[in-house]
Amino acid sequence: MFSMPNFSPEEISVARRLEQYFSHADMDFREKVFQAQLIARYELECGQPATESERMRIMTFMDTLDTIWHKLTQP
């Protein structure tokens, strides 16, 4: 799978979902996080979430992805 540098339970849950969603063997975990960030941003900006709770769910997901990205890219 990947090394989880001090991931919280929420981050571990999101990481597992990414591994299941992006099952392509040629993508490393950082690429999966990046692609998920793009998809989530598109859904929020262009997908026009149907409800406020859906919008909040996407925003929370994006926050978690951003935290994971920071942990993966910090020196």
N, C-alpha and C. Protein backbone atom coordinates (compact mmCIF):
# COMPACT_ATOMS: atom_id res chain seq x y z
N MET A 1 0.86 -1.17 0.00
CA MET A 1 0.00 0.00 0.00
C MET A 1 0.90 1.23 0.00
N PHE A 2 1.02 1.97 1.06
CA PHE A 2 1.80 3.19 1.15
C PHE A 2 2.17 3.39 2.60
N SER A 3 3.15 4.24 2.83
CA SER A 3 3.50 4.55 4.20
C SER A 3 2.61 5.70 4.67
N MET A 4 2.09 5.58 5.88
CA MET A 4 1.17 6.59 6.41
C MET A 4 1.89 7.41 7.48
N PRO A 5 2.44 8.56 7.09
CA PRO A 5 3.18 9.37 8.05
C PRO A 5 2.25 10.07 9.04
N ASN A 6 2.04 9.45 10.17
CA ASN A 6 1.21 10.03 11.23
C ASN A 6 -0.20 10.40 10.75
N PHE A 7 -0.82 9.51 10.00
CA PHE A 7 -2.18 9.78 9.53
C PHE A 7 -3.17 9.59 10.66
N SER A 8 -4.17 10.46 10.69
CA SER A 8 -5.27 10.34 11.65
C SER A 8 -6.21 9.24 11.15
N PRO A 9 -7.13 8.78 11.99
CA PRO A 9 -8.10 7.78 11.54
C PRO A 9 -8.90 8.24 10.31
N GLU A 10 -9.28 9.51 10.27
CA GLU A 10 -10.00 10.06 9.11
C GLU A 10 -9.14 9.99 7.86
N GLU A 11 -7.87 10.34 7.98
CA GLU A 11 -6.95 10.31 6.84
C GLU A 11 -6.72 8.88 6.37
N ILE A 12 -6.61 7.96 7.28
CA ILE A 12 -6.45 6.54 6.92
C ILE A 12 -7.68 6.06 6.16
N SER A 13 -8.86 6.45 6.61
CA SER A 13 -10.09 6.07 5.93
C SER A 13 -10.12 6.60 4.51
N VAL A 14 -9.76 7.87 4.34
CA VAL A 14 -9.73 8.48 3.00
C VAL A 14 -8.66 7.80 2.15
N ALA A 15 -7.50 7.52 2.71
CA ALA A 15 -6.43 6.86 1.97
C ALA A 15 -6.87 5.49 1.47
N ARG A 16 -7.56 4.76 2.29
CA ARG A 16 -8.07 3.44 1.85
C ARG A 16 -9.09 3.58 0.73
N ARG A 17 -9.94 4.58 0.84
CA ARG A 17 -10.92 4.81 -0.24
C ARG A 17 -10.22 5.17 -1.54
N LEU A 18 -9.16 5.96 -1.46
CA LEU A 18 -8.41 6.31 -2.66
C LEU A 18 -7.76 5.09 -3.28
N GLU A 19 -7.20 4.23 -2.45
CA GLU A 19 -6.56 3.02 -2.95
C GLU A 19 -7.57 2.12 -3.66
N GLN A 20 -8.79 2.07 -3.16
CA GLN A 20 -9.83 1.27 -3.80
C GLN A 20 -10.33 1.92 -5.08
N TYR A 21 -10.52 3.22 -5.06
CA TYR A 21 -11.06 3.94 -6.21
C TYR A 21 -10.07 3.98 -7.36
N PHE A 22 -8.82 4.32 -7.05
CA PHE A 22 -7.77 4.38 -8.07
C PHE A 22 -6.93 3.11 -7.98
N SER A 23 -7.40 2.07 -8.61
CA SER A 23 -6.71 0.79 -8.49
C SER A 23 -5.61 0.60 -9.54
N HIS A 24 -5.36 1.59 -10.37
CA HIS A 24 -4.35 1.48 -11.42
C HIS A 24 -2.97 1.34 -10.78
N ALA A 25 -2.26 0.32 -11.18
CA ALA A 25 -0.97 0.00 -10.57
C ALA A 25 0.11 1.03 -10.87
N ASP A 26 -0.03 1.78 -11.96
CA ASP A 26 1.02 2.75 -12.32
C ASP A 26 0.94 4.06 -11.56
N MET A 27 -0.12 4.27 -10.80
CA MET A 27 -0.26 5.51 -10.04
C MET A 27 0.29 5.31 -8.63
N ASP A 28 1.21 6.19 -8.23
CA ASP A 28 1.64 6.11 -6.83
C ASP A 28 0.61 6.85 -5.97
N PHE A 29 0.76 6.75 -4.68
CA PHE A 29 -0.24 7.30 -3.78
C PHE A 29 -0.35 8.81 -3.89
N ARG A 30 0.77 9.49 -4.07
CA ARG A 30 0.71 10.95 -4.23
C ARG A 30 -0.10 11.35 -5.45
N GLU A 31 0.04 10.60 -6.54
CA GLU A 31 -0.73 10.88 -7.75
C GLU A 31 -2.22 10.65 -7.49
N LYS A 32 -2.55 9.63 -6.72
CA LYS A 32 -3.95 9.35 -6.38
C LYS A 32 -4.55 10.50 -5.57
N VAL A 33 -3.79 11.02 -4.63
CA VAL A 33 -4.27 12.15 -3.82
C VAL A 33 -4.47 13.36 -4.72
N PHE A 34 -3.51 13.63 -5.60
CA PHE A 34 -3.61 14.77 -6.50
C PHE A 34 -4.85 14.66 -7.38
N GLN A 35 -5.07 13.50 -7.98
CA GLN A 35 -6.23 13.30 -8.84
C GLN A 35 -7.54 13.45 -8.06
N ALA A 36 -7.57 12.94 -6.84
CA ALA A 36 -8.77 13.08 -6.00
C ALA A 36 -9.03 14.55 -5.67
N GLN A 37 -7.97 15.32 -5.44
CA GLN A 37 -8.14 16.75 -5.20
C GLN A 37 -8.77 17.44 -6.41
N LEU A 38 -8.31 17.09 -7.60
CA LEU A 38 -8.87 17.68 -8.82
C LEU A 38 -10.35 17.33 -8.98
N ILE A 39 -10.68 16.08 -8.75
CA ILE A 39 -12.07 15.63 -8.89
C ILE A 39 -12.97 16.32 -7.87
N ALA A 40 -12.51 16.38 -6.63
CA ALA A 40 -13.32 17.01 -5.57
C ALA A 40 -13.52 18.50 -5.86
N ARG A 41 -12.46 19.17 -6.31
CA ARG A 41 -12.56 20.59 -6.64
C ARG A 41 -13.54 20.80 -7.79
N TYR A 42 -13.48 19.95 -8.80
CA TYR A 42 -14.41 20.04 -9.92
C TYR A 42 -15.85 19.84 -9.44
N GLU A 43 -16.06 18.82 -8.62
CA GLU A 43 -17.41 18.54 -8.11
C GLU A 43 -17.96 19.73 -7.34
N LEU A 44 -17.11 20.36 -6.58
CA LEU A 44 -17.57 21.49 -5.77
C LEU A 44 -17.84 22.72 -6.65
N GLU A 45 -16.96 22.99 -7.59
CA GLU A 45 -17.08 24.20 -8.39
C GLU A 45 -18.04 24.06 -9.57
N CYS A 46 -18.05 22.92 -10.21
CA CYS A 46 -18.84 22.76 -11.44
C CYS A 46 -20.00 21.78 -11.29
N GLY A 47 -19.87 20.87 -10.35
CA GLY A 47 -20.88 19.84 -10.21
C GLY A 47 -22.14 20.33 -9.51
N GLN A 48 -22.06 21.49 -8.89
CA GLN A 48 -23.18 22.07 -8.17
C GLN A 48 -23.85 21.04 -7.26
N PRO A 49 -23.26 20.78 -6.09
CA PRO A 49 -23.83 19.80 -5.16
C PRO A 49 -25.31 20.06 -4.93
N ALA A 50 -26.08 18.99 -4.85
CA ALA A 50 -27.54 19.09 -4.76
C ALA A 50 -28.00 19.72 -3.45
N THR A 51 -27.29 19.46 -2.37
CA THR A 51 -27.72 19.95 -1.06
C THR A 51 -26.54 20.57 -0.33
N GLU A 52 -26.87 21.29 0.71
CA GLU A 52 -25.82 21.89 1.56
C GLU A 52 -25.00 20.81 2.24
N SER A 53 -25.64 19.74 2.67
CA SER A 53 -24.89 18.66 3.33
C SER A 53 -23.92 17.98 2.36
N GLU A 54 -24.31 17.85 1.10
CA GLU A 54 -23.41 17.30 0.09
C GLU A 54 -22.22 18.23 -0.13
N ARG A 55 -22.46 19.52 -0.19
CA ARG A 55 -21.38 20.50 -0.34
C ARG A 55 -20.42 20.43 0.84
N MET A 56 -20.96 20.31 2.04
CA MET A 56 -20.12 20.22 3.24
C MET A 56 -19.31 18.92 3.25
N ARG A 57 -19.90 17.83 2.78
CA ARG A 57 -19.20 16.55 2.72
C ARG A 57 -18.01 16.64 1.76
N ILE A 58 -18.22 17.27 0.62
CA ILE A 58 -17.13 17.44 -0.34
C ILE A 58 -16.04 18.35 0.23
N MET A 59 -16.43 19.42 0.91
CA MET A 59 -15.45 20.33 1.50
C MET A 59 -14.62 19.62 2.58
N THR A 60 -15.26 18.81 3.39
CA THR A 60 -14.54 18.05 4.41
C THR A 60 -13.57 17.07 3.77
N PHE A 61 -14.01 16.40 2.70
CA PHE A 61 -13.15 15.49 1.96
C PHE A 61 -11.95 16.24 1.40
N MET A 62 -12.18 17.42 0.83
CA MET A 62 -11.09 18.23 0.29
C MET A 62 -10.10 18.64 1.38
N ASP A 63 -10.61 19.01 2.55
CA ASP A 63 -9.73 19.37 3.66
C ASP A 63 -8.84 18.19 4.06
N THR A 64 -9.42 17.02 4.11
CA THR A 64 -8.66 15.82 4.47
C THR A 64 -7.61 15.52 3.41
N LEU A 65 -7.99 15.65 2.14
CA LEU A 65 -7.02 15.45 1.05
C LEU A 65 -5.88 16.46 1.15
N ASP A 66 -6.19 17.70 1.46
CA ASP A 66 -5.16 18.72 1.60
C ASP A 66 -4.20 18.39 2.74
N THR A 67 -4.73 17.89 3.83
CA THR A 67 -3.89 17.51 4.97
C THR A 67 -2.98 16.34 4.59
N ILE A 68 -3.54 15.36 3.91
CA ILE A 68 -2.75 14.21 3.46
C ILE A 68 -1.65 14.70 2.51
N TRP A 69 -2.02 15.56 1.56
CA TRP A 69 -1.05 16.09 0.59
C TRP A 69 0.10 16.79 1.32
N HIS A 70 -0.24 17.61 2.29
CA HIS A 70 0.78 18.32 3.06
C HIS A 70 1.73 17.33 3.75
N LYS A 71 1.18 16.31 4.36
CA LYS A 71 2.01 15.31 5.05
C LYS A 71 2.91 14.55 4.09
N LEU A 72 2.42 14.31 2.89
CA LEU A 72 3.20 13.57 1.91
C LEU A 72 4.30 14.41 1.27
N THR A 73 4.10 15.72 1.21
CA THR A 73 5.04 16.57 0.48
C THR A 73 5.96 17.38 1.37
N GLN A 74 5.73 17.35 2.67
CA GLN A 74 6.63 18.12 3.53
C GLN A 74 7.97 17.42 3.62
N PRO A 75 9.06 18.20 3.74
CA PRO A 75 10.41 17.60 3.77
C PRO A 75 10.67 16.78 5.00
